[in-house]
Amino acid sequence: MSQLIAEGFTLTISSLVPDPQAVAAIVPLFVILSMLFGGFLIDNATTPAWISWIRWVSFVNYCFQGLMNNQFNCDGCGRLVIEQIFTIEFDLWVSCVALLGMFVFFRVLWYIVLRKTGPKYDRSL
């Protein structure tokens, strides 16, 4: 799902920005920030308050939270161990709904951008 969201973002930005070099600069910035504030490299609890909003738009954050809940959500020691290392904020279904929402948002936005900026045909024929 994370690959489809990144693909949708890339398609949307590449449709909006006419310069390929600008697209090549914008898309990696978004993906790197999503990975950085996804909860694995920098724990959400230690993120400074002025930049902590990035985790809410990071698709990697929702993927990571969903993965941790899926793998370690049990009554045994798995949940306790993972909560000592990472901050788990969402249930599995919240992560899935957020990822699905991001996927639909970027695809619909891409469609709207293509309809607005697409080729204009000669209607006089």
Protein backbone atom coordinates (compact mmCIF):
# COMPACT_ATOMS: atom_id res chain seq x y z
CA MET A 1 0.00 0.00 0.00
CA SER A 2 2.86 2.38 0.74
CA GLN A 3 4.19 1.89 -2.77
CA LEU A 4 0.80 2.76 -4.26
CA ILE A 5 0.55 5.90 -2.14
CA ALA A 6 4.05 7.02 -3.14
CA GLU A 7 3.17 6.27 -6.76
CA GLY A 8 -0.04 8.32 -6.51
CA PHE A 9 1.85 11.25 -5.00
CA THR A 10 4.49 11.03 -7.73
CA LEU A 11 1.87 10.93 -10.48
CA THR A 12 0.03 13.90 -8.99
CA ILE A 13 3.15 16.04 -8.64
CA SER A 14 4.43 15.09 -12.09
CA SER A 15 1.09 16.13 -13.56
CA LEU A 16 1.08 19.44 -11.69
CA VAL A 17 4.67 20.53 -12.29
CA PRO A 18 5.73 20.84 -15.94
CA ASP A 19 9.49 20.72 -15.25
CA PRO A 20 10.87 17.18 -14.75
CA GLN A 21 13.82 18.48 -12.73
CA ALA A 22 11.49 20.16 -10.25
CA VAL A 23 9.52 16.92 -9.91
CA ALA A 24 12.78 15.05 -9.33
CA ALA A 25 13.51 17.45 -6.46
CA ILE A 26 10.03 17.52 -4.84
CA VAL A 27 9.12 13.83 -4.79
CA PRO A 28 12.25 12.52 -3.02
CA LEU A 29 11.90 15.28 -0.43
CA PHE A 30 8.38 14.09 0.44
CA VAL A 31 9.39 10.43 0.51
CA ILE A 32 12.49 11.06 2.64
CA LEU A 33 10.53 13.18 5.13
CA SER A 34 7.87 10.47 5.28
CA MET A 35 10.50 7.84 6.00
CA LEU A 36 12.33 10.02 8.51
CA PHE A 37 9.22 10.85 10.54
CA GLY A 38 7.57 7.47 10.02
CA GLY A 39 8.30 6.34 13.56
CA PHE A 40 11.14 3.91 12.90
CA LEU A 41 14.15 6.19 12.43
CA ILE A 42 12.95 8.93 14.78
CA ASP A 43 10.54 7.92 17.52
CA ASN A 44 7.38 10.05 17.53
CA ALA A 45 7.71 10.69 21.26
CA THR A 46 11.13 12.34 20.79
CA THR A 47 10.14 14.51 17.82
CA PRO A 48 10.20 18.26 18.60
CA ALA A 49 6.73 19.78 18.93
CA TRP A 50 7.19 22.33 16.16
CA ILE A 51 7.77 19.62 13.53
CA SER A 52 5.72 16.76 14.96
CA TRP A 53 2.82 17.47 12.55
CA ILE A 54 4.77 15.76 9.75
CA ARG A 55 3.99 12.34 11.22
CA TRP A 56 0.29 12.85 10.54
CA VAL A 57 0.90 13.24 6.78
CA SER A 58 3.58 10.55 6.62
CA PHE A 59 2.28 7.44 4.92
CA VAL A 60 5.25 5.51 6.31
CA ASN A 61 4.02 6.29 9.83
CA TYR A 62 0.69 4.58 9.19
CA CYS A 63 2.41 1.62 7.49
CA PHE A 64 4.83 1.22 10.38
CA GLN A 65 2.11 1.50 13.04
CA GLY A 66 -0.02 -1.05 11.21
CA LEU A 67 2.91 -3.43 10.82
CA MET A 68 3.84 -3.19 14.50
CA ASN A 69 0.24 -3.80 15.56
CA ASN A 70 -0.12 -6.74 13.20
CA GLN A 71 3.10 -8.44 14.22
CA PHE A 72 3.29 -7.74 17.94
CA ASN A 73 -0.29 -7.25 19.12
CA CYS A 74 -0.62 -10.27 21.37
CA ASP A 75 -1.19 -10.93 25.03
CA GLY A 76 2.38 -12.13 25.53
CA CYS A 77 5.57 -10.19 25.72
CA GLY A 78 5.53 -8.96 22.11
CA ARG A 79 3.37 -5.93 22.82
CA LEU A 80 5.35 -4.99 25.93
CA VAL A 81 8.70 -5.21 24.16
CA ILE A 82 7.59 -3.12 21.19
CA GLU A 83 6.05 -0.42 23.41
CA GLN A 84 9.37 -0.04 25.21
CA ILE A 85 11.13 0.72 21.94
CA PHE A 86 8.50 2.54 19.84
CA THR A 87 5.43 4.68 20.45
CA ILE A 88 2.36 2.89 19.08
CA GLU A 89 -0.49 5.37 18.59
CA PHE A 90 -2.98 3.62 16.30
CA ASP A 91 -4.83 0.35 16.06
CA LEU A 92 -4.44 -1.77 12.95
CA TRP A 93 -7.77 -0.71 11.46
CA VAL A 94 -6.96 3.00 11.92
CA SER A 95 -3.73 2.53 10.00
CA CYS A 96 -5.51 0.64 7.21
CA VAL A 97 -8.24 3.28 6.87
CA ALA A 98 -5.67 6.09 6.84
CA LEU A 99 -3.62 4.35 4.15
CA LEU A 100 -6.70 3.68 2.06
CA GLY A 101 -7.75 7.31 2.44
CA MET A 102 -4.34 8.55 1.30
CA PHE A 103 -4.41 6.17 -1.66
CA VAL A 104 -7.86 7.38 -2.78
CA PHE A 105 -6.96 11.04 -2.13
CA PHE A 106 -3.86 11.01 -4.31
CA ARG A 107 -5.56 9.06 -7.12
CA VAL A 108 -8.59 11.36 -7.18
CA LEU A 109 -6.34 14.42 -7.02
CA TRP A 110 -4.31 13.02 -9.91
CA TYR A 111 -7.49 12.52 -11.93
CA ILE A 112 -8.65 16.07 -11.22
CA VAL A 113 -5.26 17.50 -12.20
CA LEU A 114 -5.27 15.53 -15.44
CA ARG A 115 -8.79 16.70 -16.27
CA LYS A 116 -7.83 20.35 -15.64
CA THR A 117 -4.39 20.38 -17.27
CA GLY A 118 -4.82 17.66 -19.89
CA PRO A 119 -4.59 18.22 -23.62
CA LYS A 120 -7.22 20.44 -25.21
CA TYR A 121 -8.60 19.06 -28.42
CA ASP A 122 -9.73 21.14 -31.34
CA ARG A 123 -13.50 21.09 -31.11
CA SER A 124 -14.01 22.70 -34.51
CA LEU A 125 -13.42 19.43 -36.36
